[in-house]
């Protein structure tokens, strides 16, 4: 945790340089995301790069601009674990749906 000496007791104040660095990094990530379309990348490479850039940008925004990086670990777990559990459950349901679809094609032709 980095605080400046001008912060009031019980309050945190972060340097403006950190926000500017993150803003520049978000600009670079957005440029790279647009470059994926500019260079006409196709298939899994395209969607993988777009998802990676999207997750990096979302992580930076949540960590720095929403101040989650300076919160207690229990609060971080309380905010991040439910969406991760939902993503895992959606993945499990998608794999189960594929299995059911294949068995129906096999037995009900």
PDB file of N, CA and C in Angstrom:
ATOM      1  N   UNK A   1       0.844  -1.163   0.000  1.00  0.00           N
ATOM      2  CA  UNK A   1       0.000   0.000   0.000  1.00  0.00           C
ATOM      3  C   UNK A   1       0.891   1.227   0.000  1.00  0.00           C
ATOM      4  N   UNK A   2       0.603   2.140  -0.917  1.00  0.00           N
ATOM      5  CA  UNK A   2       1.381   3.358  -1.015  1.00  0.00           C
ATOM      6  C   UNK A   2       0.468   4.530  -0.703  1.00  0.00           C
ATOM      7  N   UNK A   3       0.829   5.277   0.291  1.00  0.00           N
ATOM      8  CA  UNK A   3       0.053   6.461   0.628  1.00  0.00           C
ATOM      9  C   UNK A   3       0.984   7.654   0.673  1.00  0.00           C
ATOM     10  N   UNK A   4       0.439   8.806   0.519  1.00  0.00           N
ATOM     11  CA  UNK A   4       1.236  10.028   0.623  1.00  0.00           C
ATOM     12  C   UNK A   4       1.050  10.621   2.005  1.00  0.00           C
ATOM     13  N   UNK A   5       1.897  11.587   2.348  1.00  0.00           N
ATOM     14  CA  UNK A   5       1.831  12.168   3.683  1.00  0.00           C
ATOM     15  C   UNK A   5       0.674  13.131   3.839  1.00  0.00           C
ATOM     16  N   UNK A   6       0.021  13.547   2.766  1.00  0.00           N
ATOM     17  CA  UNK A   6      -1.099  14.484   2.842  1.00  0.00           C
ATOM     18  C   UNK A   6      -2.421  13.809   3.169  1.00  0.00           C
ATOM     19  N   UNK A   7      -2.429  12.486   3.282  1.00  0.00           N
ATOM     20  CA  UNK A   7      -3.669  11.767   3.545  1.00  0.00           C
ATOM     21  C   UNK A   7      -4.116  12.002   4.980  1.00  0.00           C
ATOM     22  N   UNK A   8      -5.421  12.141   5.143  1.00  0.00           N
ATOM     23  CA  UNK A   8      -5.989  12.302   6.469  1.00  0.00           C
ATOM     24  C   UNK A   8      -5.951  10.970   7.190  1.00  0.00           C
ATOM     25  N   UNK A   9      -5.984  11.006   8.540  1.00  0.00           N
ATOM     26  CA  UNK A   9      -5.988   9.725   9.261  1.00  0.00           C
ATOM     27  C   UNK A   9      -7.213   8.894   8.870  1.00  0.00           C
ATOM     28  N   UNK A  10      -6.977   7.638   8.582  1.00  0.00           N
ATOM     29  CA  UNK A  10      -8.054   6.740   8.181  1.00  0.00           C
ATOM     30  C   UNK A  10      -8.364   6.789   6.700  1.00  0.00           C
ATOM     31  N   UNK A  11      -7.671   7.639   5.943  1.00  0.00           N
ATOM     32  CA  UNK A  11      -7.901   7.739   4.503  1.00  0.00           C
ATOM     33  C   UNK A  11      -6.609   7.431   3.759  1.00  0.00           C
ATOM     34  N   UNK A  12      -6.764   6.901   2.560  1.00  0.00           N
ATOM     35  CA  UNK A  12      -5.619   6.625   1.711  1.00  0.00           C
ATOM     36  C   UNK A  12      -5.654   7.583   0.538  1.00  0.00           C
ATOM     37  N   UNK A  13      -4.476   8.038   0.160  1.00  0.00           N
ATOM     38  CA  UNK A  13      -4.379   8.880  -1.024  1.00  0.00           C
ATOM     39  C   UNK A  13      -3.275   8.291  -1.889  1.00  0.00           C
ATOM     40  N   UNK A  14      -3.604   8.036  -3.124  1.00  0.00           N
ATOM     41  CA  UNK A  14      -2.668   7.390  -4.026  1.00  0.00           C
ATOM     42  C   UNK A  14      -2.092   8.430  -4.972  1.00  0.00           C
ATOM     43  N   UNK A  15      -0.845   8.231  -5.384  1.00  0.00           N
ATOM     44  CA  UNK A  15      -0.215   9.231  -6.270  1.00  0.00           C
ATOM     45  C   UNK A  15      -0.883   9.266  -7.638  1.00  0.00           C
ATOM     46  N   UNK A  16      -0.951  10.448  -8.210  1.00  0.00           N
ATOM     47  CA  UNK A  16      -1.589  10.615  -9.519  1.00  0.00           C
ATOM     48  C   UNK A  16      -0.787   9.910 -10.608  1.00  0.00           C
ATOM     49  N   UNK A  17       0.518   9.725 -10.373  1.00  0.00           N
ATOM     50  CA  UNK A  17       1.352   9.045 -11.359  1.00  0.00           C
ATOM     51  C   UNK A  17       0.906   7.621 -11.611  1.00  0.00           C
ATOM     52  N   UNK A  18       0.428   6.952 -10.572  1.00  0.00           N
ATOM     53  CA  UNK A  18      -0.071   5.586 -10.736  1.00  0.00           C
ATOM     54  C   UNK A  18      -1.276   5.564 -11.665  1.00  0.00           C
ATOM     55  N   UNK A  19      -2.182   6.501 -11.467  1.00  0.00           N
ATOM     56  CA  UNK A  19      -3.376   6.546 -12.318  1.00  0.00           C
ATOM     57  C   UNK A  19      -3.012   6.870 -13.765  1.00  0.00           C
ATOM     58  N   UNK A  20      -2.032   7.749 -13.954  1.00  0.00           N
ATOM     59  CA  UNK A  20      -1.617   8.089 -15.315  1.00  0.00           C
ATOM     60  C   UNK A  20      -0.947   6.905 -16.000  1.00  0.00           C
ATOM     61  N   UNK A  21      -0.123   6.153 -15.252  1.00  0.00           N
ATOM     62  CA  UNK A  21       0.515   4.963 -15.825  1.00  0.00           C
ATOM     63  C   UNK A  21      -0.524   3.926 -16.214  1.00  0.00           C
ATOM     64  N   UNK A  22      -1.508   3.714 -15.366  1.00  0.00           N
ATOM     65  CA  UNK A  22      -2.560   2.742 -15.681  1.00  0.00           C
ATOM     66  C   UNK A  22      -3.385   3.224 -16.862  1.00  0.00           C
ATOM     67  N   UNK A  23      -3.642   4.527 -16.923  1.00  0.00           N
ATOM     68  CA  UNK A  23      -4.393   5.070 -18.056  1.00  0.00           C
ATOM     69  C   UNK A  23      -3.634   4.841 -19.355  1.00  0.00           C
ATOM     70  N   UNK A  24      -2.321   5.072 -19.361  1.00  0.00           N
ATOM     71  CA  UNK A  24      -1.508   4.832 -20.564  1.00  0.00           C
ATOM     72  C   UNK A  24      -1.523   3.341 -20.908  1.00  0.00           C
ATOM     73  N   UNK A  25      -1.415   2.487 -19.897  1.00  0.00           N
ATOM     74  CA  UNK A  25      -1.446   1.045 -20.148  1.00  0.00           C
ATOM     75  C   UNK A  25      -2.797   0.612 -20.722  1.00  0.00           C
ATOM     76  N   UNK A  26      -3.890   1.202 -20.235  1.00  0.00           N
ATOM     77  CA  UNK A  26      -5.209   0.904 -20.803  1.00  0.00           C
ATOM     78  C   UNK A  26      -5.296   1.372 -22.254  1.00  0.00           C
ATOM     79  N   UNK A  27      -4.694   2.517 -22.560  1.00  0.00           N
ATOM     80  CA  UNK A  27      -4.678   3.006 -23.932  1.00  0.00           C
ATOM     81  C   UNK A  27      -3.901   2.048 -24.833  1.00  0.00           C
ATOM     82  N   UNK A  28      -2.760   1.547 -24.348  1.00  0.00           N
ATOM     83  CA  UNK A  28      -1.951   0.601 -25.135  1.00  0.00           C
ATOM     84  C   UNK A  28      -2.729  -0.695 -25.358  1.00  0.00           C
ATOM     85  N   UNK A  29      -3.378  -1.197 -24.320  1.00  0.00           N
ATOM     86  CA  UNK A  29      -4.158  -2.430 -24.461  1.00  0.00           C
ATOM     87  C   UNK A  29      -5.323  -2.239 -25.430  1.00  0.00           C
ATOM     88  N   UNK A  30      -5.966  -1.067 -25.391  1.00  0.00           N
ATOM     89  CA  UNK A  30      -7.055  -0.804 -26.330  1.00  0.00           C
ATOM     90  C   UNK A  30      -6.526  -0.727 -27.749  1.00  0.00           C
ATOM     91  N   UNK A  31      -5.374  -0.114 -27.924  1.00  0.00           N
ATOM     92  CA  UNK A  31      -4.769  -0.044 -29.258  1.00  0.00           C
ATOM     93  C   UNK A  31      -4.448  -1.438 -29.777  1.00  0.00           C
ATOM     94  N   UNK A  32      -3.917  -2.290 -28.923  1.00  0.00           N
ATOM     95  CA  UNK A  32      -3.619  -3.666 -29.333  1.00  0.00           C
ATOM     96  C   UNK A  32      -4.900  -4.425 -29.664  1.00  0.00           C
ATOM     97  N   UNK A  33      -5.968  -4.136 -28.932  1.00  0.00           N
ATOM     98  CA  UNK A  33      -7.243  -4.785 -29.220  1.00  0.00           C
ATOM     99  C   UNK A  33      -7.781  -4.358 -30.586  1.00  0.00           C
ATOM    100  N   UNK A  34      -7.657  -3.059 -30.904  1.00  0.00           N
ATOM    101  CA  UNK A  34      -8.089  -2.593 -32.222  1.00  0.00           C
ATOM    102  C   UNK A  34      -7.173  -3.120 -33.320  1.00  0.00           C
ATOM    103  N   UNK A  35      -5.906  -3.345 -32.994  1.00  0.00           N
ATOM    104  CA  UNK A  35      -4.961  -3.881 -33.988  1.00  0.00           C
ATOM    105  C   UNK A  35      -5.338  -5.297 -34.402  1.00  0.00           C
ATOM    106  N   UNK A  36      -5.984  -6.022 -33.514  1.00  0.00           N
ATOM    107  CA  UNK A  36      -6.446  -7.365 -33.869  1.00  0.00           C
ATOM    108  C   UNK A  36      -7.405  -7.289 -35.057  1.00  0.00           C
ATOM    109  N   UNK A  37      -8.313  -6.318 -35.040  1.00  0.00           N
ATOM    110  CA  UNK A  37      -9.233  -6.147 -36.169  1.00  0.00           C
ATOM    111  C   UNK A  37      -8.533  -5.524 -37.369  1.00  0.00           C
ATOM    112  N   UNK A  38      -7.625  -4.609 -37.120  1.00  0.00           N
ATOM    113  CA  UNK A  38      -6.949  -3.923 -38.226  1.00  0.00           C
ATOM    114  C   UNK A  38      -6.143  -4.904 -39.073  1.00  0.00           C
ATOM    115  N   UNK A  39      -5.488  -5.872 -38.435  1.00  0.00           N
ATOM    116  CA  UNK A  39      -4.676  -6.851 -39.164  1.00  0.00           C
ATOM    117  C   UNK A  39      -5.481  -8.064 -39.610  1.00  0.00           C
ATOM    118  N   UNK A  40      -6.787  -8.030 -39.424  1.00  0.00           N
ATOM    119  CA  UNK A  40      -7.704  -9.069 -39.896  1.00  0.00           C
ATOM    120  C   UNK A  40      -7.328 -10.462 -39.390  1.00  0.00           C
ATOM    121  N   UNK A  41      -7.025 -10.547 -38.124  1.00  0.00           N
ATOM    122  CA  UNK A  41      -6.766 -11.864 -37.543  1.00  0.00           C
ATOM    123  C   UNK A  41      -8.088 -12.617 -37.467  1.00  0.00           C
ATOM    124  N   UNK A  42      -8.044 -13.910 -37.684  1.00  0.00           N
ATOM    125  CA  UNK A  42      -9.259 -14.714 -37.736  1.00  0.00           C
ATOM    126  C   UNK A  42      -9.153 -15.919 -36.813  1.00  0.00           C
ATOM    127  N   UNK A  43     -10.309 -16.496 -36.522  1.00  0.00           N
ATOM    128  CA  UNK A  43     -10.368 -17.759 -35.794  1.00  0.00           C
ATOM    129  C   UNK A  43     -10.102 -17.621 -34.299  1.00  0.00           C
ATOM    130  N   UNK A  44      -9.540 -18.684 -33.746  1.00  0.00           N
ATOM    131  CA  UNK A  44      -9.303 -18.737 -32.304  1.00  0.00           C
ATOM    132  C   UNK A  44      -8.280 -17.716 -31.845  1.00  0.00           C
ATOM    133  N   UNK A  45      -7.306 -17.397 -32.693  1.00  0.00           N
ATOM    134  CA  UNK A  45      -6.304 -16.385 -32.330  1.00  0.00           C
ATOM    135  C   UNK A  45      -6.962 -15.040 -32.091  1.00  0.00           C
ATOM    136  N   UNK A  46      -7.897 -14.675 -32.967  1.00  0.00           N
ATOM    137  CA  UNK A  46      -8.597 -13.397 -32.831  1.00  0.00           C
ATOM    138  C   UNK A  46      -9.359 -13.326 -31.520  1.00  0.00           C
ATOM    139  N   UNK A  47     -10.185 -14.342 -31.261  1.00  0.00           N
ATOM    140  CA  UNK A  47     -11.018 -14.304 -30.059  1.00  0.00           C
ATOM    141  C   UNK A  47     -10.197 -14.471 -28.799  1.00  0.00           C
ATOM    142  N   UNK A  48      -9.125 -15.238 -28.861  1.00  0.00           N
ATOM    143  CA  UNK A  48      -8.256 -15.370 -27.691  1.00  0.00           C
ATOM    144  C   UNK A  48      -7.609 -14.035 -27.350  1.00  0.00           C
ATOM    145  N   UNK A  49      -7.074 -13.334 -28.369  1.00  0.00           N
ATOM    146  CA  UNK A  49      -6.437 -12.041 -28.109  1.00  0.00           C
ATOM    147  C   UNK A  49      -7.442 -11.016 -27.604  1.00  0.00           C
ATOM    148  N   UNK A  50      -8.632 -10.993 -28.192  1.00  0.00           N
ATOM    149  CA  UNK A  50      -9.644 -10.028 -27.742  1.00  0.00           C
ATOM    150  C   UNK A  50     -10.037 -10.303 -26.289  1.00  0.00           C
ATOM    151  N   UNK A  51     -10.220 -11.576 -25.931  1.00  0.00           N
ATOM    152  CA  UNK A  51     -10.586 -11.903 -24.551  1.00  0.00           C
ATOM    153  C   UNK A  51      -9.458 -11.595 -23.576  1.00  0.00           C
ATOM    154  N   UNK A  52      -8.224 -11.867 -23.977  1.00  0.00           N
ATOM    155  CA  UNK A  52      -7.085 -11.572 -23.103  1.00  0.00           C
ATOM    156  C   UNK A  52      -6.970 -10.070 -22.856  1.00  0.00           C
ATOM    157  N   UNK A  53      -7.062  -9.272 -23.928  1.00  0.00           N
ATOM    158  CA  UNK A  53      -6.975  -7.814 -23.758  1.00  0.00           C
ATOM    159  C   UNK A  53      -8.143  -7.295 -22.925  1.00  0.00           C
ATOM    160  N   UNK A  54      -9.338  -7.848 -23.137  1.00  0.00           N
ATOM    161  CA  UNK A  54     -10.509  -7.421 -22.373  1.00  0.00           C
ATOM    162  C   UNK A  54     -10.333  -7.726 -20.885  1.00  0.00           C
ATOM    163  N   UNK A  55      -9.841  -8.937 -20.563  1.00  0.00           N
ATOM    164  CA  UNK A  55      -9.657  -9.299 -19.157  1.00  0.00           C
ATOM    165  C   UNK A  55      -8.566  -8.464 -18.507  1.00  0.00           C
ATOM    166  N   UNK A  56      -7.489  -8.173 -19.239  1.00  0.00           N
ATOM    167  CA  UNK A  56      -6.431  -7.326 -18.681  1.00  0.00           C
ATOM    168  C   UNK A  56      -6.945  -5.925 -18.388  1.00  0.00           C
ATOM    169  N   UNK A  57      -7.713  -5.356 -19.306  1.00  0.00           N
ATOM    170  CA  UNK A  57      -8.256  -4.017 -19.082  1.00  0.00           C
ATOM    171  C   UNK A  57      -9.239  -4.011 -17.920  1.00  0.00           C
ATOM    172  N   UNK A  58     -10.106  -5.016 -17.852  1.00  0.00           N
ATOM    173  CA  UNK A  58     -11.070  -5.074 -16.748  1.00  0.00           C
ATOM    174  C   UNK A  58     -10.352  -5.248 -15.414  1.00  0.00           C
ATOM    175  N   UNK A  59      -9.318  -6.063 -15.388  1.00  0.00           N
ATOM    176  CA  UNK A  59      -8.566  -6.256 -14.152  1.00  0.00           C
ATOM    177  C   UNK A  59      -7.883  -4.984 -13.689  1.00  0.00           C
ATOM    178  N   UNK A  60      -7.295  -4.229 -14.621  1.00  0.00           N
ATOM    179  CA  UNK A  60      -6.655  -2.963 -14.257  1.00  0.00           C
ATOM    180  C   UNK A  60      -7.676  -1.959 -13.738  1.00  0.00           C
ATOM    181  N   UNK A  61      -8.817  -1.879 -14.387  1.00  0.00           N
ATOM    182  CA  UNK A  61      -9.839  -0.922 -13.956  1.00  0.00           C
ATOM    183  C   UNK A  61     -10.359  -1.273 -12.570  1.00  0.00           C
ATOM    184  N   UNK A  62     -10.642  -2.559 -12.357  1.00  0.00           N
ATOM    185  CA  UNK A  62     -11.161  -2.968 -11.045  1.00  0.00           C
ATOM    186  C   UNK A  62     -10.096  -2.792  -9.964  1.00  0.00           C
ATOM    187  N   UNK A  63      -8.858  -3.119 -10.267  1.00  0.00           N
ATOM    188  CA  UNK A  63      -7.802  -3.060  -9.254  1.00  0.00           C
ATOM    189  C   UNK A  63      -7.438  -1.634  -8.882  1.00  0.00           C
ATOM    190  N   UNK A  64      -7.276  -0.757  -9.862  1.00  0.00           N
ATOM    191  CA  UNK A  64      -6.753   0.580  -9.576  1.00  0.00           C
ATOM    192  C   UNK A  64      -7.870   1.608  -9.449  1.00  0.00           C
ATOM    193  N   UNK A  65      -8.720   1.705 -10.452  1.00  0.00           N
ATOM    194  CA  UNK A  65      -9.720   2.769 -10.419  1.00  0.00           C
ATOM    195  C   UNK A  65     -10.860   2.477  -9.455  1.00  0.00           C
ATOM    196  N   UNK A  66     -11.124   1.199  -9.190  1.00  0.00           N
ATOM    197  CA  UNK A  66     -12.151   0.853  -8.205  1.00  0.00           C
ATOM    198  C   UNK A  66     -11.523   0.513  -6.858  1.00  0.00           C
ATOM    199  N   UNK A  67     -10.205   0.716  -6.726  1.00  0.00           N
ATOM    200  CA  UNK A  67      -9.460   0.610  -5.474  1.00  0.00           C
ATOM    201  C   UNK A  67      -9.504  -0.786  -4.855  1.00  0.00           C
ATOM    202  N   UNK A  68      -9.727  -1.808  -5.660  1.00  0.00           N
ATOM    203  CA  UNK A  68      -9.789  -3.160  -5.103  1.00  0.00           C
ATOM    204  C   UNK A  68      -8.403  -3.664  -4.707  1.00  0.00           C
ATOM    205  N   UNK A  69      -7.359  -3.126  -5.300  1.00  0.00           N
ATOM    206  CA  UNK A  69      -5.997  -3.563  -4.972  1.00  0.00           C
ATOM    207  C   UNK A  69      -5.612  -3.183  -3.554  1.00  0.00           C
ATOM    208  N   UNK A  70      -6.272  -2.204  -2.963  1.00  0.00           N
ATOM    209  CA  UNK A  70      -5.922  -1.746  -1.633  1.00  0.00           C
ATOM    210  C   UNK A  70      -6.916  -2.229  -0.584  1.00  0.00           C
ATOM    211  N   UNK A  71      -7.831  -3.085  -0.978  1.00  0.00           N
ATOM    212  CA  UNK A  71      -8.816  -3.595  -0.031  1.00  0.00           C
ATOM    213  C   UNK A  71      -8.287  -4.847   0.664  1.00  0.00           C
ATOM    214  N   UNK A  72      -8.992  -5.267   1.696  1.00  0.00           N
ATOM    215  CA  UNK A  72      -8.619  -6.488   2.398  1.00  0.00           C
ATOM    216  C   UNK A  72      -8.865  -7.696   1.505  1.00  0.00           C
ATOM    217  N   UNK A  73      -8.110  -8.750   1.770  1.00  0.00           N
ATOM    218  CA  UNK A  73      -8.196  -9.948   0.952  1.00  0.00           C
ATOM    219  C   UNK A  73      -9.587 -10.583   1.040  1.00  0.00           C
ATOM    220  N   UNK A  74     -10.221 -10.515   2.201  1.00  0.00           N
ATOM    221  CA  UNK A  74     -11.556 -11.105   2.350  1.00  0.00           C
ATOM    222  C   UNK A  74     -12.570 -10.393   1.453  1.00  0.00           C
ATOM    223  N   UNK A  75     -12.455  -9.079   1.327  1.00  0.00           N
ATOM    224  CA  UNK A  75     -13.372  -8.334   0.454  1.00  0.00           C
ATOM    225  C   UNK A  75     -13.105  -8.661  -1.014  1.00  0.00           C
ATOM    226  N   UNK A  76     -11.829  -8.830  -1.349  1.00  0.00           N
ATOM    227  CA  UNK A  76     -11.483  -9.205  -2.720  1.00  0.00           C
ATOM    228  C   UNK A  76     -12.084 -10.564  -3.048  1.00  0.00           C
ATOM    229  N   UNK A  77     -11.958 -11.520  -2.127  1.00  0.00           N
ATOM    230  CA  UNK A  77     -12.563 -12.837  -2.351  1.00  0.00           C
ATOM    231  C   UNK A  77     -14.077 -12.725  -2.449  1.00  0.00           C
ATOM    232  N   UNK A  78     -14.699 -11.894  -1.612  1.00  0.00           N
ATOM    233  CA  UNK A  78     -16.158 -11.766  -1.631  1.00  0.00           C
ATOM    234  C   UNK A  78     -16.654 -11.180  -2.950  1.00  0.00           C
ATOM    235  N   UNK A  79     -15.851 -10.360  -3.592  1.00  0.00           N
ATOM    236  CA  UNK A  79     -16.274  -9.742  -4.853  1.00  0.00           C
ATOM    237  C   UNK A  79     -15.932 -10.624  -6.042  1.00  0.00           C
ATOM    238  N   UNK A  80     -14.759 -11.259  -6.033  1.00  0.00           N
ATOM    239  CA  UNK A  80     -14.303 -11.981  -7.216  1.00  0.00           C
ATOM    240  C   UNK A  80     -14.739 -13.441  -7.270  1.00  0.00           C
ATOM    241  N   UNK A  81     -14.920 -14.101  -6.146  1.00  0.00           N
ATOM    242  CA  UNK A  81     -15.235 -15.531  -6.179  1.00  0.00           C
ATOM    243  C   UNK A  81     -16.624 -15.852  -6.752  1.00  0.00           C
ATOM    244  N   UNK A  82     -17.689 -15.113  -6.431  1.00  0.00           N
ATOM    245  CA  UNK A  82     -18.985 -15.471  -7.042  1.00  0.00           C
ATOM    246  C   UNK A  82     -18.997 -15.428  -8.569  1.00  0.00           C
ATOM    247  N   UNK A  83     -18.433 -14.390  -9.230  1.00  0.00           N
ATOM    248  CA  UNK A  83     -18.418 -14.447 -10.704  1.00  0.00           C
ATOM    249  C   UNK A  83     -17.567 -15.596 -11.235  1.00  0.00           C
ATOM    250  N   UNK A  84     -16.446 -15.899 -10.557  1.00  0.00           N
ATOM    251  CA  UNK A  84     -15.618 -17.022 -11.007  1.00  0.00           C
ATOM    252  C   UNK A  84     -16.362 -18.344 -10.847  1.00  0.00           C
ATOM    253  N   UNK A  85     -17.122 -18.490  -9.761  1.00  0.00           N
ATOM    254  CA  UNK A  85     -17.915 -19.710  -9.568  1.00  0.00           C
ATOM    255  C   UNK A  85     -18.998 -19.818 -10.643  1.00  0.00           C
ATOM    256  N   UNK A  86     -19.625 -18.683 -10.987  1.00  0.00           N
ATOM    257  CA  UNK A  86     -20.638 -18.702 -12.047  1.00  0.00           C
ATOM    258  C   UNK A  86     -20.027 -19.091 -13.390  1.00  0.00           C
ATOM    259  N   UNK A  87     -18.846 -18.582 -13.689  1.00  0.00           N
ATOM    260  CA  UNK A  87     -18.185 -18.939 -14.946  1.00  0.00           C
ATOM    261  C   UNK A  87     -17.864 -20.425 -14.970  1.00  0.00           C
ATOM    262  N   UNK A  88     -17.408 -20.975 -13.847  1.00  0.00           N
ATOM    263  CA  UNK A  88     -17.114 -22.410 -13.782  1.00  0.00           C
ATOM    264  C   UNK A  88     -18.388 -23.229 -13.973  1.00  0.00           C
ATOM    265  N   UNK A  89     -19.482 -22.803 -13.350  1.00  0.00           N
ATOM    266  CA  UNK A  89     -20.744 -23.531 -13.495  1.00  0.00           C
ATOM    267  C   UNK A  89     -21.276 -23.443 -14.923  1.00  0.00           C
ATOM    268  N   UNK A  90     -21.148 -22.302 -15.566  1.00  0.00           N
ATOM    269  CA  UNK A  90     -21.577 -22.178 -16.964  1.00  0.00           C
ATOM    270  C   UNK A  90     -20.743 -23.093 -17.851  1.00  0.00           C
ATOM    271  N   UNK A  91     -19.448 -23.186 -17.576  1.00  0.00           N
ATOM    272  CA  UNK A  91     -18.594 -24.097 -18.334  1.00  0.00           C
ATOM    273  C   UNK A  91     -19.010 -25.543 -18.149  1.00  0.00           C
ATOM    274  N   UNK A  92     -19.327 -25.923 -16.919  1.00  0.00           N
ATOM    275  CA  UNK A  92     -19.796 -27.290 -16.659  1.00  0.00           C
ATOM    276  C   UNK A  92     -21.119 -27.559 -17.376  1.00  0.00           C
ATOM    277  N   UNK A  93     -22.036 -26.588 -17.346  1.00  0.00           N
ATOM    278  CA  UNK A  93     -23.324 -26.772 -18.030  1.00  0.00           C
ATOM    279  C   UNK A  93     -23.141 -26.864 -19.540  1.00  0.00           C
ATOM    280  N   UNK A  94     -22.205 -26.098 -20.091  1.00  0.00           N
ATOM    281  CA  UNK A  94     -21.957 -26.154 -21.534  1.00  0.00           C
ATOM    282  C   UNK A  94     -21.404 -27.516 -21.928  1.00  0.00           C
ATOM    283  N   UNK A  95     -20.508 -28.063 -21.123  1.00  0.00           N
ATOM    284  CA  UNK A  95     -19.978 -29.392 -21.452  1.00  0.00           C
ATOM    285  C   UNK A  95     -21.066 -30.454 -21.304  1.00  0.00           C
ATOM    286  N   UNK A  96     -21.917 -30.341 -20.315  1.00  0.00           N
ATOM    287  CA  UNK A  96     -23.021 -31.280 -20.134  1.00  0.00           C
ATOM    288  C   UNK A  96     -24.016 -31.160 -21.295  1.00  0.00           C
ATOM    289  N   UNK A  97     -24.275 -29.949 -21.757  1.00  0.00           N
ATOM    290  CA  UNK A  97     -25.197 -29.767 -22.880  1.00  0.00           C
ATOM    291  C   UNK A  97     -24.658 -30.417 -24.145  1.00  0.00           C
ATOM    292  N   UNK A  98     -23.367 -30.318 -24.359  1.00  0.00           N
ATOM    293  CA  UNK A  98     -22.763 -30.973 -25.513  1.00  0.00           C
ATOM    294  C   UNK A  98     -22.897 -32.485 -25.435  1.00  0.00           C
ATOM    295  N   UNK A  99     -22.704 -33.037 -24.239  1.00  0.00           N
ATOM    296  CA  UNK A  99     -22.840 -34.482 -24.054  1.00  0.00           C
ATOM    297  C   UNK A  99     -24.276 -34.934 -24.309  1.00  0.00           C
ATOM    298  N   UNK A 100     -25.255 -34.208 -23.771  1.00  0.00           N
ATOM    299  CA  UNK A 100     -26.663 -34.558 -23.965  1.00  0.00           C
ATOM    300  C   UNK A 100     -27.036 -34.443 -25.446  1.00  0.00           C
ATOM    301  N   UNK A 101     -26.558 -33.416 -26.110  1.00  0.00           N
ATOM    302  CA  UNK A 101     -26.848 -33.239 -27.535  1.00  0.00           C
ATOM    303  C   UNK A 101     -26.283 -34.407 -28.345  1.00  0.00           C
ATOM    304  N   UNK A 102     -25.074 -34.816 -28.045  1.00  0.00           N
ATOM    305  CA  UNK A 102     -24.477 -35.934 -28.780  1.00  0.00           C
ATOM    306  C   UNK A 102     -25.206 -37.249 -28.505  1.00  0.00           C
ATOM    307  N   UNK A 103     -25.623 -37.505 -27.266  1.00  0.00           N
ATOM    308  CA  UNK A 103     -26.349 -38.752 -26.966  1.00  0.00           C
ATOM    309  C   UNK A 103     -27.726 -38.745 -27.620  1.00  0.00           C
ATOM    310  N   UNK A 104     -28.368 -37.601 -27.712  1.00  0.00           N
ATOM    311  CA  UNK A 104     -29.667 -37.542 -28.395  1.00  0.00           C
ATOM    312  C   UNK A 104     -29.514 -37.799 -29.885  1.00  0.00           C
ATOM    313  N   UNK A 105     -28.455 -37.268 -30.467  1.00  0.00           N
ATOM    314  CA  UNK A 105     -28.209 -37.534 -31.881  1.00  0.00           C
ATOM    315  C   UNK A 105     -27.935 -39.007 -32.115  1.00  0.00           C
ATOM    316  N   UNK A 106     -27.279 -39.654 -31.167  1.00  0.00           N
ATOM    317  CA  UNK A 106     -26.898 -41.054 -31.311  1.00  0.00           C
ATOM    318  C   UNK A 106     -28.104 -41.977 -31.163  1.00  0.00           C
ATOM    319  N   UNK A 107     -29.002 -41.719 -30.205  1.00  0.00           N
ATOM    320  CA  UNK A 107     -30.086 -42.640 -29.895  1.00  0.00           C
ATOM    321  C   UNK A 107     -31.433 -42.264 -30.520  1.00  0.00           C
ATOM    322  N   UNK A 108     -31.645 -41.060 -30.950  1.00  0.00           N
ATOM    323  CA  UNK A 108     -32.957 -40.646 -31.447  1.00  0.00           C
ATOM    324  C   UNK A 108     -32.917 -40.239 -32.914  1.00  0.00           C
ATOM    325  N   UNK A 109     -32.178 -40.912 -33.715  1.00  0.00           N
ATOM    326  CA  UNK A 109     -32.155 -40.610 -35.148  1.00  0.00           C
ATOM    327  C   UNK A 109     -33.319 -41.264 -35.830  1.00  0.00           C
TER     328      UNK A 109
END
